Amino acid sequence: MRNKNKKEELTGVADGLDFTGDTEDVEEEAVNKTSAGKTEKVEIDPNRSYSPYYKPKPKKGSKGGTLGRGAVEESNRKIQFSLTCTLTQKERFAEAAKKDRRKLPDFICMAVEEYIENHNL
């Protein structure tokens, strides 16, 4: 049986920690260290077209290069579309892509281009 007269000490995760200290100074120091002139903003390229939902924020790195992915010409920009097939067909396509050492989307793109070329479409 449990003795109700004894006080049981609970040991929790936060026992023994002092939460009254100044945390603001630590946070400000962390912010100052991360933004200490490592990057600077760059003008947006007027010749580059962006999706209406994307807000570009290009920056220069500490060594002078532009951070992030570089611009891609409109003719080389890839878009995504869907292909409807059965599960067994998808497995066959994936297996063929693996044998050809390609990723599945790249394999399907090459297969469609080859089909168009071979059938003069």
N, C-alpha and C. Protein backbone atom coordinates (compact mmCIF):
# COMPACT_ATOMS: atom_id res chain seq x y z
N MET A 1 0.82 -1.19 0.00
CA MET A 1 0.00 0.00 0.00
C MET A 1 0.86 1.24 0.00
N ARG A 2 0.28 2.28 -0.39
CA ARG A 2 0.96 3.55 -0.49
C ARG A 2 0.75 4.35 0.79
N ASN A 3 1.84 4.94 1.24
CA ASN A 3 1.75 5.75 2.45
C ASN A 3 1.45 7.18 2.04
N LYS A 4 0.32 7.71 2.47
CA LYS A 4 -0.11 9.05 2.07
C LYS A 4 0.63 10.14 2.84
N ASN A 5 1.28 9.82 3.91
CA ASN A 5 1.94 10.83 4.72
C ASN A 5 3.29 11.24 4.14
N LYS A 6 3.93 10.36 3.40
CA LYS A 6 5.22 10.68 2.81
C LYS A 6 5.03 11.56 1.58
N LYS A 7 5.90 12.56 1.46
CA LYS A 7 5.89 13.40 0.25
C LYS A 7 6.80 12.75 -0.77
N GLU A 8 6.25 12.51 -1.91
CA GLU A 8 7.05 11.91 -2.99
C GLU A 8 7.59 13.02 -3.87
N GLU A 9 8.87 12.95 -4.17
CA GLU A 9 9.46 13.93 -5.05
C GLU A 9 9.36 13.43 -6.49
N LEU A 10 8.77 14.23 -7.33
CA LEU A 10 8.64 13.88 -8.74
C LEU A 10 9.86 14.40 -9.48
N THR A 11 10.44 13.58 -10.28
CA THR A 11 11.57 14.02 -11.10
C THR A 11 11.10 14.09 -12.55
N GLY A 12 11.04 15.29 -13.06
CA GLY A 12 10.60 15.51 -14.44
C GLY A 12 11.76 15.98 -15.30
N VAL A 13 11.47 16.21 -16.52
CA VAL A 13 12.48 16.64 -17.48
C VAL A 13 13.01 18.03 -17.14
N ALA A 14 12.14 18.91 -16.66
CA ALA A 14 12.54 20.28 -16.42
C ALA A 14 12.96 20.55 -14.98
N ASP A 15 12.98 19.52 -14.13
CA ASP A 15 13.40 19.73 -12.74
C ASP A 15 14.85 20.16 -12.68
N GLY A 16 15.12 21.18 -11.89
CA GLY A 16 16.47 21.66 -11.72
C GLY A 16 16.89 22.70 -12.73
N LEU A 17 16.04 23.04 -13.69
CA LEU A 17 16.37 24.05 -14.68
C LEU A 17 15.80 25.40 -14.24
N ASP A 18 16.55 26.45 -14.48
CA ASP A 18 16.13 27.79 -14.11
C ASP A 18 15.64 28.50 -15.36
N PHE A 19 14.35 28.85 -15.37
CA PHE A 19 13.76 29.51 -16.52
C PHE A 19 13.63 31.02 -16.33
N THR A 20 14.23 31.56 -15.29
CA THR A 20 14.11 32.98 -15.02
C THR A 20 15.24 33.79 -15.62
N GLY A 21 16.21 33.16 -16.23
CA GLY A 21 17.36 33.86 -16.80
C GLY A 21 17.00 34.68 -18.02
N ASP A 22 17.90 35.56 -18.43
CA ASP A 22 17.67 36.39 -19.61
C ASP A 22 17.93 35.59 -20.87
N THR A 23 16.86 35.32 -21.62
CA THR A 23 17.02 34.59 -22.87
C THR A 23 17.10 35.54 -24.05
N GLU A 24 16.70 36.80 -23.86
CA GLU A 24 16.70 37.75 -24.97
C GLU A 24 18.10 38.02 -25.48
N ASP A 25 19.08 38.13 -24.57
CA ASP A 25 20.45 38.40 -24.99
C ASP A 25 21.00 37.28 -25.86
N VAL A 26 20.67 36.06 -25.48
CA VAL A 26 21.16 34.90 -26.24
C VAL A 26 20.56 34.89 -27.63
N GLU A 27 19.27 35.18 -27.74
CA GLU A 27 18.61 35.17 -29.05
C GLU A 27 19.17 36.28 -29.94
N GLU A 28 19.41 37.46 -29.38
CA GLU A 28 19.95 38.55 -30.18
C GLU A 28 21.36 38.23 -30.66
N GLU A 29 22.16 37.59 -29.81
CA GLU A 29 23.51 37.22 -30.22
C GLU A 29 23.47 36.21 -31.36
N ALA A 30 22.54 35.25 -31.27
CA ALA A 30 22.42 34.25 -32.32
C ALA A 30 22.01 34.89 -33.64
N VAL A 31 21.09 35.84 -33.60
CA VAL A 31 20.66 36.53 -34.81
C VAL A 31 21.80 37.34 -35.39
N ASN A 32 22.54 38.04 -34.55
CA ASN A 32 23.65 38.85 -35.03
C ASN A 32 24.75 38.01 -35.64
N LYS A 33 24.99 36.82 -35.11
CA LYS A 33 26.03 35.96 -35.66
C LYS A 33 25.65 35.43 -37.03
N THR A 34 24.38 35.08 -37.23
CA THR A 34 23.97 34.50 -38.51
C THR A 34 23.88 35.54 -39.61
N SER A 35 23.54 36.78 -39.25
CA SER A 35 23.38 37.80 -40.28
C SER A 35 24.56 38.76 -40.33
N ALA A 36 25.71 38.31 -39.91
CA ALA A 36 26.88 39.17 -39.81
C ALA A 36 27.55 39.37 -41.17
N GLY A 37 26.82 39.92 -42.14
CA GLY A 37 27.42 40.30 -43.42
C GLY A 37 27.84 39.14 -44.30
N LYS A 38 27.26 37.97 -44.11
CA LYS A 38 27.65 36.84 -44.94
C LYS A 38 26.97 36.89 -46.31
N THR A 39 25.81 37.50 -46.36
CA THR A 39 25.10 37.61 -47.64
C THR A 39 24.62 39.04 -47.82
N GLU A 40 24.44 39.42 -49.05
CA GLU A 40 23.87 40.74 -49.35
C GLU A 40 22.88 40.58 -50.49
N LYS A 41 21.88 41.43 -50.50
CA LYS A 41 20.83 41.34 -51.51
C LYS A 41 21.36 41.78 -52.87
N VAL A 42 20.80 41.19 -53.92
CA VAL A 42 21.18 41.48 -55.30
C VAL A 42 19.91 41.86 -56.06
N GLU A 43 20.04 42.67 -57.09
CA GLU A 43 18.89 43.05 -57.91
C GLU A 43 18.34 41.84 -58.65
N ILE A 44 17.04 41.85 -58.87
CA ILE A 44 16.39 40.77 -59.60
C ILE A 44 16.64 40.97 -61.09
N ASP A 45 16.99 39.88 -61.79
CA ASP A 45 17.28 39.94 -63.22
C ASP A 45 16.00 40.28 -63.98
N PRO A 46 15.95 41.40 -64.70
CA PRO A 46 14.72 41.79 -65.41
C PRO A 46 14.42 40.89 -66.61
N ASN A 47 15.41 40.18 -67.12
CA ASN A 47 15.20 39.32 -68.30
C ASN A 47 14.65 37.95 -67.92
N ARG A 48 14.58 37.65 -66.65
CA ARG A 48 14.15 36.33 -66.22
C ARG A 48 12.67 36.37 -65.84
N SER A 49 11.91 35.37 -66.29
CA SER A 49 10.49 35.32 -65.95
C SER A 49 10.27 34.33 -64.82
N TYR A 50 9.43 34.70 -63.89
CA TYR A 50 9.15 33.88 -62.72
C TYR A 50 7.68 33.49 -62.69
N SER A 51 7.38 32.44 -61.97
CA SER A 51 6.01 32.03 -61.74
C SER A 51 5.32 33.14 -60.94
N PRO A 52 4.03 33.34 -61.16
CA PRO A 52 3.35 34.41 -60.41
C PRO A 52 3.31 34.14 -58.91
N TYR A 53 3.54 32.90 -58.48
CA TYR A 53 3.47 32.55 -57.07
C TYR A 53 4.83 32.60 -56.39
N TYR A 54 5.90 32.87 -57.14
CA TYR A 54 7.25 32.86 -56.58
C TYR A 54 7.77 34.29 -56.45
N LYS A 55 8.24 34.61 -55.28
CA LYS A 55 8.84 35.92 -55.03
C LYS A 55 10.35 35.73 -54.90
N PRO A 56 11.13 36.10 -55.91
CA PRO A 56 12.58 35.87 -55.85
C PRO A 56 13.26 36.79 -54.85
N LYS A 57 14.26 36.25 -54.15
CA LYS A 57 15.06 37.01 -53.20
C LYS A 57 16.52 36.63 -53.40
N PRO A 58 17.12 37.02 -54.53
CA PRO A 58 18.51 36.62 -54.79
C PRO A 58 19.48 37.29 -53.82
N LYS A 59 20.53 36.56 -53.47
CA LYS A 59 21.55 37.08 -52.56
C LYS A 59 22.93 36.68 -53.05
N LYS A 60 23.92 37.47 -52.66
CA LYS A 60 25.32 37.13 -52.95
C LYS A 60 25.92 36.50 -51.71
N GLY A 61 26.75 35.50 -51.93
CA GLY A 61 27.43 34.83 -50.83
C GLY A 61 28.66 35.59 -50.39
N SER A 62 29.34 35.05 -49.39
CA SER A 62 30.52 35.72 -48.83
C SER A 62 31.68 35.74 -49.82
N LYS A 63 31.68 34.83 -50.79
CA LYS A 63 32.77 34.78 -51.77
C LYS A 63 32.41 35.49 -53.07
N GLY A 64 31.25 36.16 -53.12
CA GLY A 64 30.88 36.94 -54.29
C GLY A 64 29.96 36.25 -55.27
N GLY A 65 29.69 34.97 -55.11
CA GLY A 65 28.82 34.25 -56.02
C GLY A 65 27.36 34.41 -55.64
N THR A 66 26.47 34.12 -56.58
CA THR A 66 25.04 34.20 -56.32
C THR A 66 24.58 32.90 -55.68
N LEU A 67 23.81 33.01 -54.61
CA LEU A 67 23.30 31.84 -53.92
C LEU A 67 22.05 31.31 -54.61
N GLY A 68 21.82 30.03 -54.49
CA GLY A 68 20.62 29.42 -55.06
C GLY A 68 20.87 28.90 -56.46
N ARG A 69 19.79 28.46 -57.08
CA ARG A 69 19.89 27.94 -58.44
C ARG A 69 20.00 29.06 -59.45
N GLY A 70 20.72 28.80 -60.49
CA GLY A 70 20.89 29.79 -61.54
C GLY A 70 19.67 29.88 -62.43
N ALA A 71 19.65 30.89 -63.26
CA ALA A 71 18.54 31.10 -64.18
C ALA A 71 18.56 30.03 -65.27
N VAL A 72 17.37 29.63 -65.70
CA VAL A 72 17.22 28.65 -66.78
C VAL A 72 16.46 29.34 -67.91
N GLU A 73 16.92 29.13 -69.13
CA GLU A 73 16.23 29.72 -70.28
C GLU A 73 14.83 29.15 -70.40
N GLU A 74 13.95 29.96 -70.95
CA GLU A 74 12.54 29.56 -71.08
C GLU A 74 12.41 28.27 -71.91
N SER A 75 13.25 28.09 -72.92
CA SER A 75 13.16 26.90 -73.77
C SER A 75 13.63 25.63 -73.05
N ASN A 76 14.47 25.77 -72.03
CA ASN A 76 14.98 24.61 -71.30
C ASN A 76 14.25 24.36 -69.99
N ARG A 77 13.34 25.24 -69.62
CA ARG A 77 12.62 25.08 -68.36
C ARG A 77 11.67 23.90 -68.45
N LYS A 78 11.70 23.05 -67.43
CA LYS A 78 10.86 21.85 -67.43
C LYS A 78 9.57 22.13 -66.66
N ILE A 79 8.50 21.51 -67.14
CA ILE A 79 7.21 21.58 -66.46
C ILE A 79 6.79 20.15 -66.13
N GLN A 80 5.82 20.03 -65.28
CA GLN A 80 5.36 18.72 -64.87
C GLN A 80 3.97 18.45 -65.43
N PHE A 81 3.74 17.23 -65.90
CA PHE A 81 2.41 16.82 -66.31
C PHE A 81 2.23 15.37 -65.88
N SER A 82 1.00 14.91 -65.87
CA SER A 82 0.73 13.57 -65.35
C SER A 82 0.55 12.55 -66.47
N LEU A 83 0.81 11.32 -66.13
CA LEU A 83 0.66 10.18 -67.03
C LEU A 83 -0.20 9.16 -66.30
N THR A 84 -1.25 8.71 -66.94
CA THR A 84 -2.14 7.73 -66.31
C THR A 84 -1.80 6.35 -66.82
N CYS A 85 -1.50 5.44 -65.90
CA CYS A 85 -1.20 4.06 -66.27
C CYS A 85 -1.57 3.15 -65.10
N THR A 86 -1.58 1.85 -65.38
CA THR A 86 -1.87 0.90 -64.31
C THR A 86 -0.63 0.68 -63.46
N LEU A 87 -0.81 0.05 -62.33
CA LEU A 87 0.30 -0.22 -61.43
C LEU A 87 1.33 -1.15 -62.06
N THR A 88 0.86 -2.14 -62.81
CA THR A 88 1.81 -3.06 -63.47
C THR A 88 2.59 -2.34 -64.56
N GLN A 89 1.93 -1.42 -65.28
CA GLN A 89 2.65 -0.64 -66.29
C GLN A 89 3.71 0.24 -65.65
N LYS A 90 3.35 0.86 -64.53
CA LYS A 90 4.32 1.71 -63.84
C LYS A 90 5.53 0.90 -63.38
N GLU A 91 5.29 -0.30 -62.88
CA GLU A 91 6.39 -1.16 -62.45
C GLU A 91 7.29 -1.52 -63.64
N ARG A 92 6.66 -1.81 -64.81
CA ARG A 92 7.44 -2.12 -66.01
C ARG A 92 8.28 -0.91 -66.44
N PHE A 93 7.66 0.28 -66.42
CA PHE A 93 8.39 1.49 -66.79
C PHE A 93 9.55 1.75 -65.84
N ALA A 94 9.31 1.57 -64.55
CA ALA A 94 10.36 1.80 -63.56
C ALA A 94 11.50 0.80 -63.73
N GLU A 95 11.14 -0.44 -64.03
CA GLU A 95 12.17 -1.47 -64.24
C GLU A 95 13.01 -1.16 -65.49
N ALA A 96 12.34 -0.73 -66.55
CA ALA A 96 13.06 -0.37 -67.77
C ALA A 96 13.96 0.85 -67.54
N ALA A 97 13.47 1.82 -66.76
CA ALA A 97 14.28 3.01 -66.46
C ALA A 97 15.51 2.62 -65.65
N LYS A 98 15.32 1.69 -64.73
CA LYS A 98 16.45 1.23 -63.91
C LYS A 98 17.50 0.53 -64.77
N LYS A 99 17.04 -0.27 -65.73
CA LYS A 99 17.98 -0.95 -66.63
C LYS A 99 18.73 0.04 -67.51
N ASP A 100 18.06 1.13 -67.86
CA ASP A 100 18.67 2.16 -68.70
C ASP A 100 19.45 3.18 -67.88
N ARG A 101 19.47 2.98 -66.56
CA ARG A 101 20.17 3.85 -65.61
C ARG A 101 19.69 5.30 -65.69
N ARG A 102 18.38 5.44 -65.70
CA ARG A 102 17.75 6.75 -65.71
C ARG A 102 16.69 6.81 -64.62
N LYS A 103 16.31 8.03 -64.30
CA LYS A 103 15.17 8.21 -63.41
C LYS A 103 13.91 8.01 -64.23
N LEU A 104 12.83 7.62 -63.57
CA LEU A 104 11.59 7.31 -64.28
C LEU A 104 11.08 8.49 -65.12
N PRO A 105 11.02 9.72 -64.59
CA PRO A 105 10.54 10.82 -65.46
C PRO A 105 11.42 11.07 -66.67
N ASP A 106 12.74 10.95 -66.48
CA ASP A 106 13.66 11.14 -67.61
C ASP A 106 13.48 10.04 -68.65
N PHE A 107 13.28 8.83 -68.17
CA PHE A 107 13.09 7.70 -69.08
C PHE A 107 11.82 7.87 -69.89
N ILE A 108 10.73 8.26 -69.24
CA ILE A 108 9.46 8.43 -69.96
C ILE A 108 9.57 9.56 -70.97
N CYS A 109 10.25 10.64 -70.61
CA CYS A 109 10.44 11.76 -71.54
C CYS A 109 11.22 11.31 -72.77
N MET A 110 12.30 10.56 -72.54
CA MET A 110 13.10 10.05 -73.67
C MET A 110 12.28 9.10 -74.54
N ALA A 111 11.47 8.25 -73.89
CA ALA A 111 10.66 7.29 -74.65
C ALA A 111 9.65 8.01 -75.54
N VAL A 112 9.02 9.05 -75.03
CA VAL A 112 8.04 9.80 -75.82
C VAL A 112 8.73 10.51 -76.98
N GLU A 113 9.88 11.12 -76.71
CA GLU A 113 10.61 11.80 -77.79
C GLU A 113 11.05 10.81 -78.86
N GLU A 114 11.51 9.64 -78.44
CA GLU A 114 11.93 8.61 -79.40
C GLU A 114 10.75 8.11 -80.22
N TYR A 115 9.59 7.95 -79.57
CA TYR A 115 8.39 7.51 -80.29
C TYR A 115 8.00 8.53 -81.35
N ILE A 116 8.02 9.82 -81.00
CA ILE A 116 7.67 10.88 -81.95
C ILE A 116 8.64 10.88 -83.12
N GLU A 117 9.92 10.73 -82.82
CA GLU A 117 10.93 10.73 -83.88
C GLU A 117 10.80 9.53 -84.80
N ASN A 118 10.57 8.34 -84.23
CA ASN A 118 10.49 7.11 -85.03
C ASN A 118 9.22 7.05 -85.89
N HIS A 119 8.18 7.72 -85.47
CA HIS A 119 6.91 7.65 -86.21
C HIS A 119 6.63 8.93 -87.00
N ASN A 120 7.62 9.78 -87.12
CA ASN A 120 7.49 11.02 -87.89
C ASN A 120 6.24 11.83 -87.52
N LEU A 121 6.06 12.02 -86.24
CA LEU A 121 4.89 12.78 -85.79
C LEU A 121 5.23 14.22 -85.55
